[in-house]
């Protein structure tokens, strides 16, 4: 699995929990934001998702922390993508959070492409798979 994209962010006031560091749910939010930014910049926009009537469904998210992110810290989130079946229906994604080059957290997730009308796992459009290619 190799990185196909990364994006930079800064920890905002809204990201902070009562312990003074970035809350658990915000790691998942930034991971998701990074994935969709990647796809949009590679030619598969939110409008394409609507047109095809599909979206990702996540079966499992594992979040591992190495150190804390605090208010106004700048950080980068990378995006790695791997097909788990030949047709590309199921996938694994990994988002690595780094601050000044040091890994602070990792989100490792498994999911599938989901038809929003039939409520079933489907083969994604070729344009989506092309946007996810590491080439």
N, C-alpha and C. Protein backbone atom coordinates (compact mmCIF):
# COMPACT_ATOMS: atom_id res chain seq x y z
N UNK A 1 0.86 -1.17 0.00
CA UNK A 1 0.00 0.00 0.00
C UNK A 1 0.91 1.23 0.00
N UNK A 2 0.61 2.17 -0.88
CA UNK A 2 1.43 3.38 -0.94
C UNK A 2 0.54 4.62 -0.87
N UNK A 3 1.15 5.69 -0.42
CA UNK A 3 0.43 6.95 -0.29
C UNK A 3 0.05 7.47 -1.67
N UNK A 4 -1.21 7.92 -1.79
CA UNK A 4 -1.64 8.52 -3.06
C UNK A 4 -1.94 10.01 -2.91
N UNK A 5 -1.96 10.51 -1.67
CA UNK A 5 -2.36 11.90 -1.46
C UNK A 5 -2.02 12.31 -0.03
N UNK A 6 -1.84 13.60 0.19
CA UNK A 6 -1.75 14.12 1.55
C UNK A 6 -2.26 15.56 1.55
N UNK A 7 -2.75 15.99 2.71
CA UNK A 7 -3.28 17.35 2.87
C UNK A 7 -2.87 17.87 4.24
N UNK A 8 -2.68 19.18 4.33
CA UNK A 8 -2.28 19.80 5.58
C UNK A 8 -3.44 20.55 6.22
N UNK A 9 -3.44 20.56 7.55
CA UNK A 9 -4.49 21.19 8.34
C UNK A 9 -3.86 21.83 9.57
N UNK A 10 -4.70 22.54 10.33
CA UNK A 10 -4.30 23.09 11.62
C UNK A 10 -5.41 22.77 12.61
N UNK A 11 -5.03 22.34 13.81
CA UNK A 11 -6.01 22.01 14.84
C UNK A 11 -6.74 23.29 15.24
N UNK A 12 -8.06 23.26 15.10
CA UNK A 12 -8.89 24.42 15.45
C UNK A 12 -9.55 24.28 16.81
N UNK A 13 -10.13 25.36 17.26
CA UNK A 13 -10.83 25.36 18.55
C UNK A 13 -11.90 24.28 18.61
N UNK A 14 -12.61 24.10 17.52
CA UNK A 14 -13.69 23.10 17.47
C UNK A 14 -13.18 21.67 17.58
N UNK A 15 -11.90 21.46 17.33
CA UNK A 15 -11.30 20.12 17.34
C UNK A 15 -10.92 19.64 18.75
N UNK A 16 -10.89 20.53 19.71
CA UNK A 16 -10.34 20.25 21.04
C UNK A 16 -11.38 19.64 21.97
N UNK A 17 -10.95 18.63 22.74
CA UNK A 17 -11.84 18.04 23.75
C UNK A 17 -11.51 18.60 25.14
N UNK A 18 -12.18 18.10 26.15
CA UNK A 18 -12.02 18.60 27.52
C UNK A 18 -10.62 18.36 28.07
N UNK A 19 -9.86 17.45 27.47
CA UNK A 19 -8.49 17.17 27.91
C UNK A 19 -7.46 18.09 27.26
N UNK A 20 -7.92 18.97 26.36
CA UNK A 20 -7.02 19.92 25.74
C UNK A 20 -6.29 19.42 24.51
N UNK A 21 -6.69 18.26 23.99
CA UNK A 21 -6.10 17.79 22.75
C UNK A 21 -7.21 17.45 21.75
N UNK A 22 -6.80 17.11 20.52
CA UNK A 22 -7.80 16.85 19.48
C UNK A 22 -8.62 15.61 19.86
N UNK A 23 -9.93 15.74 19.74
CA UNK A 23 -10.84 14.66 20.15
C UNK A 23 -10.81 13.49 19.16
N UNK A 24 -11.19 12.32 19.66
CA UNK A 24 -11.19 11.09 18.86
C UNK A 24 -11.95 11.26 17.54
N UNK A 25 -13.16 11.78 17.62
CA UNK A 25 -14.00 11.86 16.42
C UNK A 25 -13.41 12.77 15.36
N UNK A 26 -12.63 13.77 15.76
CA UNK A 26 -12.05 14.68 14.78
C UNK A 26 -10.96 14.01 13.93
N UNK A 27 -10.28 13.01 14.49
CA UNK A 27 -9.32 12.26 13.67
C UNK A 27 -10.05 11.58 12.52
N UNK A 28 -11.19 10.98 12.83
CA UNK A 28 -11.97 10.32 11.77
C UNK A 28 -12.49 11.34 10.76
N UNK A 29 -12.91 12.52 11.26
CA UNK A 29 -13.40 13.57 10.35
C UNK A 29 -12.30 14.04 9.40
N UNK A 30 -11.10 14.28 9.93
CA UNK A 30 -9.99 14.71 9.06
C UNK A 30 -9.57 13.61 8.10
N UNK A 31 -9.62 12.37 8.53
CA UNK A 31 -9.31 11.25 7.63
C UNK A 31 -10.29 11.24 6.45
N UNK A 32 -11.58 11.36 6.76
CA UNK A 32 -12.61 11.38 5.72
C UNK A 32 -12.45 12.59 4.80
N UNK A 33 -12.20 13.76 5.38
CA UNK A 33 -12.02 14.98 4.59
C UNK A 33 -10.86 14.81 3.61
N UNK A 34 -9.78 14.21 4.08
CA UNK A 34 -8.61 14.00 3.22
C UNK A 34 -8.95 13.08 2.06
N UNK A 35 -9.69 12.01 2.32
CA UNK A 35 -10.08 11.08 1.25
C UNK A 35 -10.90 11.78 0.18
N UNK A 36 -11.90 12.57 0.61
CA UNK A 36 -12.76 13.24 -0.36
C UNK A 36 -12.02 14.37 -1.09
N UNK A 37 -11.12 15.06 -0.41
CA UNK A 37 -10.29 16.07 -1.10
C UNK A 37 -9.47 15.40 -2.20
N UNK A 38 -8.88 14.26 -1.89
CA UNK A 38 -8.10 13.52 -2.87
C UNK A 38 -8.94 13.20 -4.10
N UNK A 39 -10.10 12.61 -3.87
CA UNK A 39 -10.95 12.21 -4.99
C UNK A 39 -11.38 13.41 -5.83
N UNK A 40 -11.77 14.49 -5.17
CA UNK A 40 -12.21 15.68 -5.91
C UNK A 40 -11.06 16.24 -6.75
N UNK A 41 -9.87 16.31 -6.17
CA UNK A 41 -8.73 16.85 -6.91
C UNK A 41 -8.27 15.93 -8.03
N UNK A 42 -8.63 14.64 -7.94
CA UNK A 42 -8.26 13.68 -8.98
C UNK A 42 -9.41 13.41 -9.95
N UNK A 43 -10.47 14.23 -9.88
CA UNK A 43 -11.51 14.17 -10.90
C UNK A 43 -12.78 13.43 -10.55
N UNK A 44 -12.96 13.00 -9.29
CA UNK A 44 -14.22 12.36 -8.89
C UNK A 44 -14.82 13.18 -7.76
N UNK A 45 -15.73 14.08 -8.12
CA UNK A 45 -16.27 15.10 -7.22
C UNK A 45 -17.48 14.59 -6.44
N UNK A 46 -17.92 15.37 -5.45
CA UNK A 46 -19.17 15.03 -4.77
C UNK A 46 -20.35 14.91 -5.74
N UNK A 47 -20.36 15.72 -6.79
CA UNK A 47 -21.41 15.59 -7.81
C UNK A 47 -21.37 14.24 -8.50
N UNK A 48 -20.16 13.71 -8.73
CA UNK A 48 -20.03 12.38 -9.33
C UNK A 48 -20.62 11.32 -8.41
N UNK A 49 -20.38 11.44 -7.10
CA UNK A 49 -20.99 10.49 -6.16
C UNK A 49 -22.51 10.54 -6.26
N UNK A 50 -23.06 11.76 -6.29
CA UNK A 50 -24.53 11.91 -6.40
C UNK A 50 -25.05 11.33 -7.71
N UNK A 51 -24.36 11.64 -8.81
CA UNK A 51 -24.78 11.16 -10.13
C UNK A 51 -24.82 9.63 -10.19
N UNK A 52 -23.83 8.99 -9.59
CA UNK A 52 -23.75 7.53 -9.61
C UNK A 52 -24.57 6.90 -8.49
N UNK A 53 -25.04 7.70 -7.54
CA UNK A 53 -25.85 7.17 -6.45
C UNK A 53 -25.09 6.23 -5.53
N UNK A 54 -23.80 6.53 -5.33
CA UNK A 54 -22.98 5.66 -4.48
C UNK A 54 -22.28 6.48 -3.40
N UNK A 55 -21.75 5.77 -2.44
CA UNK A 55 -20.93 6.38 -1.40
C UNK A 55 -20.16 5.29 -0.69
N UNK A 56 -19.19 5.69 0.10
CA UNK A 56 -18.45 4.68 0.87
C UNK A 56 -19.24 4.29 2.12
N UNK A 57 -19.16 3.03 2.49
CA UNK A 57 -19.69 2.57 3.77
C UNK A 57 -18.52 1.94 4.50
N UNK A 58 -18.33 2.35 5.74
CA UNK A 58 -17.19 1.87 6.51
C UNK A 58 -17.65 0.77 7.46
N UNK A 59 -16.92 -0.34 7.44
CA UNK A 59 -17.23 -1.48 8.31
C UNK A 59 -16.43 -1.45 9.60
N UNK A 60 -15.23 -0.86 9.52
CA UNK A 60 -14.34 -0.88 10.68
C UNK A 60 -13.36 0.28 10.59
N UNK A 61 -13.18 0.99 11.69
CA UNK A 61 -12.17 2.03 11.82
C UNK A 61 -11.34 1.71 13.05
N UNK A 62 -10.03 1.62 12.88
CA UNK A 62 -9.12 1.44 14.00
C UNK A 62 -8.24 2.67 14.09
N UNK A 63 -8.20 3.27 15.26
CA UNK A 63 -7.44 4.50 15.47
C UNK A 63 -6.37 4.24 16.52
N UNK A 64 -5.11 4.46 16.12
CA UNK A 64 -3.99 4.28 17.04
C UNK A 64 -3.30 5.63 17.25
N UNK A 65 -3.10 5.97 18.51
CA UNK A 65 -2.46 7.24 18.87
C UNK A 65 -1.01 7.02 19.26
N UNK A 66 -0.17 7.93 18.84
CA UNK A 66 1.25 7.89 19.21
C UNK A 66 1.60 9.10 20.09
N UNK A 67 1.01 10.25 19.80
CA UNK A 67 1.15 11.44 20.64
C UNK A 67 -0.02 12.38 20.36
N UNK A 68 -0.16 13.42 21.17
CA UNK A 68 -1.32 14.31 21.09
C UNK A 68 -1.13 15.42 20.05
N UNK A 69 -2.25 15.80 19.46
CA UNK A 69 -2.31 17.04 18.68
C UNK A 69 -3.06 18.05 19.54
N UNK A 70 -2.53 19.26 19.63
CA UNK A 70 -3.11 20.30 20.47
C UNK A 70 -3.50 21.52 19.62
N UNK A 71 -4.26 22.41 20.25
CA UNK A 71 -4.76 23.62 19.60
C UNK A 71 -3.66 24.34 18.83
N UNK A 72 -3.94 24.63 17.56
CA UNK A 72 -3.10 25.33 16.60
C UNK A 72 -1.92 24.53 16.06
N UNK A 73 -1.78 23.28 16.48
CA UNK A 73 -0.76 22.43 15.86
C UNK A 73 -1.06 22.29 14.38
N UNK A 74 -0.03 22.35 13.57
CA UNK A 74 -0.17 22.06 12.14
C UNK A 74 0.16 20.59 11.94
N UNK A 75 -0.63 19.94 11.09
CA UNK A 75 -0.43 18.51 10.85
C UNK A 75 -0.81 18.16 9.43
N UNK A 76 -0.33 17.00 8.99
CA UNK A 76 -0.61 16.50 7.65
C UNK A 76 -1.28 15.14 7.78
N UNK A 77 -2.22 14.88 6.89
CA UNK A 77 -2.90 13.59 6.84
C UNK A 77 -2.63 12.98 5.47
N UNK A 78 -2.03 11.80 5.46
CA UNK A 78 -1.80 11.09 4.20
C UNK A 78 -2.95 10.12 3.96
N UNK A 79 -3.06 9.66 2.72
CA UNK A 79 -4.13 8.75 2.31
C UNK A 79 -3.52 7.62 1.50
N UNK A 80 -3.73 6.40 1.97
CA UNK A 80 -3.31 5.19 1.26
C UNK A 80 -4.56 4.37 0.97
N UNK A 81 -4.60 3.77 -0.20
CA UNK A 81 -5.79 3.02 -0.64
C UNK A 81 -5.37 1.66 -1.19
N UNK A 82 -6.15 0.64 -0.84
CA UNK A 82 -5.88 -0.71 -1.33
C UNK A 82 -7.21 -1.41 -1.64
N UNK A 83 -7.31 -1.97 -2.85
CA UNK A 83 -8.47 -2.80 -3.17
C UNK A 83 -8.36 -4.11 -2.42
N UNK A 84 -9.49 -4.59 -1.90
CA UNK A 84 -9.49 -5.88 -1.20
C UNK A 84 -10.12 -6.98 -2.03
N UNK A 85 -10.65 -6.62 -3.19
CA UNK A 85 -11.14 -7.62 -4.14
C UNK A 85 -10.85 -7.12 -5.55
N UNK A 86 -10.88 -8.02 -6.49
CA UNK A 86 -10.48 -7.69 -7.86
C UNK A 86 -11.31 -6.58 -8.48
N UNK A 87 -12.60 -6.56 -8.20
CA UNK A 87 -13.50 -5.56 -8.81
C UNK A 87 -13.43 -4.20 -8.12
N UNK A 88 -12.80 -4.13 -6.96
CA UNK A 88 -12.70 -2.87 -6.25
C UNK A 88 -13.89 -2.54 -5.38
N UNK A 89 -14.76 -3.51 -5.14
CA UNK A 89 -15.94 -3.25 -4.31
C UNK A 89 -15.57 -2.96 -2.86
N UNK A 90 -14.65 -3.76 -2.32
CA UNK A 90 -14.22 -3.60 -0.93
C UNK A 90 -12.81 -3.03 -0.91
N UNK A 91 -12.51 -2.27 0.13
CA UNK A 91 -11.23 -1.58 0.19
C UNK A 91 -10.74 -1.43 1.62
N UNK A 92 -9.46 -1.10 1.69
CA UNK A 92 -8.82 -0.71 2.95
C UNK A 92 -8.19 0.65 2.71
N UNK A 93 -8.35 1.55 3.66
CA UNK A 93 -7.70 2.86 3.60
C UNK A 93 -6.92 3.08 4.88
N UNK A 94 -5.79 3.75 4.75
CA UNK A 94 -4.98 4.12 5.90
C UNK A 94 -4.69 5.61 5.80
N UNK A 95 -4.94 6.31 6.89
CA UNK A 95 -4.60 7.73 6.99
C UNK A 95 -3.59 7.89 8.11
N UNK A 96 -2.45 8.46 7.76
CA UNK A 96 -1.39 8.70 8.75
C UNK A 96 -1.35 10.20 9.07
N UNK A 97 -1.41 10.52 10.34
CA UNK A 97 -1.35 11.89 10.82
C UNK A 97 0.08 12.16 11.28
N UNK A 98 0.68 13.21 10.72
CA UNK A 98 2.05 13.57 11.11
C UNK A 98 2.11 15.04 11.51
N UNK A 99 3.00 15.32 12.43
CA UNK A 99 3.30 16.70 12.84
C UNK A 99 4.81 16.84 12.74
N UNK A 100 5.25 17.80 11.93
CA UNK A 100 6.68 18.03 11.72
C UNK A 100 7.41 16.73 11.36
N UNK A 101 6.77 15.91 10.52
CA UNK A 101 7.37 14.68 10.04
C UNK A 101 7.26 13.49 10.97
N UNK A 102 6.73 13.68 12.18
CA UNK A 102 6.60 12.60 13.15
C UNK A 102 5.16 12.07 13.17
N UNK A 103 5.00 10.76 13.05
CA UNK A 103 3.66 10.16 13.07
C UNK A 103 3.04 10.31 14.46
N UNK A 104 1.81 10.87 14.50
CA UNK A 104 1.12 11.06 15.77
C UNK A 104 -0.11 10.16 15.91
N UNK A 105 -0.67 9.71 14.78
CA UNK A 105 -1.84 8.83 14.83
C UNK A 105 -2.02 8.14 13.48
N UNK A 106 -2.73 7.00 13.51
CA UNK A 106 -3.02 6.26 12.28
C UNK A 106 -4.48 5.80 12.34
N UNK A 107 -5.21 6.05 11.26
CA UNK A 107 -6.56 5.50 11.09
C UNK A 107 -6.45 4.41 10.03
N UNK A 108 -6.81 3.19 10.39
CA UNK A 108 -6.81 2.04 9.48
C UNK A 108 -8.26 1.60 9.37
N UNK A 109 -8.81 1.65 8.16
CA UNK A 109 -10.25 1.42 7.99
C UNK A 109 -10.52 0.47 6.84
N UNK A 110 -11.63 -0.24 6.96
CA UNK A 110 -12.10 -1.13 5.90
C UNK A 110 -13.53 -0.75 5.56
N UNK A 111 -13.81 -0.79 4.25
CA UNK A 111 -15.14 -0.40 3.80
C UNK A 111 -15.45 -0.96 2.44
N UNK A 112 -16.52 -0.44 1.85
CA UNK A 112 -16.97 -0.87 0.53
C UNK A 112 -17.70 0.28 -0.14
N UNK A 113 -17.85 0.16 -1.45
CA UNK A 113 -18.65 1.13 -2.20
C UNK A 113 -20.10 0.65 -2.17
N UNK A 114 -20.99 1.55 -1.85
CA UNK A 114 -22.37 1.23 -1.49
C UNK A 114 -23.34 1.96 -2.40
N UNK A 115 -24.27 1.23 -3.00
CA UNK A 115 -25.33 1.82 -3.80
C UNK A 115 -26.38 2.37 -2.85
N UNK A 116 -26.63 3.66 -2.91
CA UNK A 116 -27.52 4.31 -1.94
C UNK A 116 -28.99 3.97 -2.15
N UNK A 117 -29.36 3.51 -3.35
CA UNK A 117 -30.76 3.13 -3.61
C UNK A 117 -31.02 1.67 -3.24
N UNK A 118 -30.17 0.78 -3.71
CA UNK A 118 -30.39 -0.65 -3.45
C UNK A 118 -29.85 -1.09 -2.10
N UNK A 119 -29.03 -0.21 -1.46
CA UNK A 119 -28.44 -0.50 -0.14
C UNK A 119 -27.57 -1.76 -0.20
N UNK A 120 -26.77 -1.85 -1.26
CA UNK A 120 -25.91 -3.03 -1.42
C UNK A 120 -24.53 -2.60 -1.88
N UNK A 121 -23.56 -3.46 -1.64
CA UNK A 121 -22.18 -3.24 -2.07
C UNK A 121 -22.12 -3.42 -3.58
N UNK A 122 -21.43 -2.49 -4.26
CA UNK A 122 -21.37 -2.51 -5.72
C UNK A 122 -19.95 -2.29 -6.22
N UNK A 123 -19.75 -2.62 -7.49
CA UNK A 123 -18.50 -2.31 -8.18
C UNK A 123 -18.51 -0.80 -8.46
N UNK A 124 -17.45 -0.09 -8.09
CA UNK A 124 -17.43 1.35 -8.31
C UNK A 124 -17.20 1.70 -9.78
N UNK A 125 -17.60 2.89 -10.19
CA UNK A 125 -17.35 3.32 -11.57
C UNK A 125 -15.85 3.36 -11.87
N UNK A 126 -15.51 3.14 -13.12
CA UNK A 126 -14.10 3.15 -13.55
C UNK A 126 -13.44 4.49 -13.23
N UNK A 127 -14.18 5.57 -13.35
CA UNK A 127 -13.64 6.91 -13.08
C UNK A 127 -13.21 7.03 -11.61
N UNK A 128 -13.96 6.42 -10.70
CA UNK A 128 -13.61 6.44 -9.28
C UNK A 128 -12.36 5.61 -9.04
N UNK A 129 -12.29 4.41 -9.62
CA UNK A 129 -11.10 3.59 -9.46
C UNK A 129 -9.87 4.27 -10.03
N UNK A 130 -10.03 4.99 -11.13
CA UNK A 130 -8.90 5.71 -11.72
C UNK A 130 -8.42 6.81 -10.77
N UNK A 131 -9.35 7.48 -10.10
CA UNK A 131 -8.98 8.55 -9.15
C UNK A 131 -8.24 7.97 -7.95
N UNK A 132 -8.46 6.71 -7.65
CA UNK A 132 -7.81 6.05 -6.51
C UNK A 132 -6.51 5.36 -6.88
N UNK A 133 -6.17 5.38 -8.14
CA UNK A 133 -4.95 4.72 -8.59
C UNK A 133 -3.72 5.47 -8.09
N UNK A 134 -2.69 4.74 -7.75
CA UNK A 134 -1.46 5.37 -7.29
C UNK A 134 -0.56 5.78 -8.45
N UNK A 135 -0.99 5.57 -9.67
CA UNK A 135 -0.18 5.92 -10.86
C UNK A 135 -0.14 7.42 -11.07
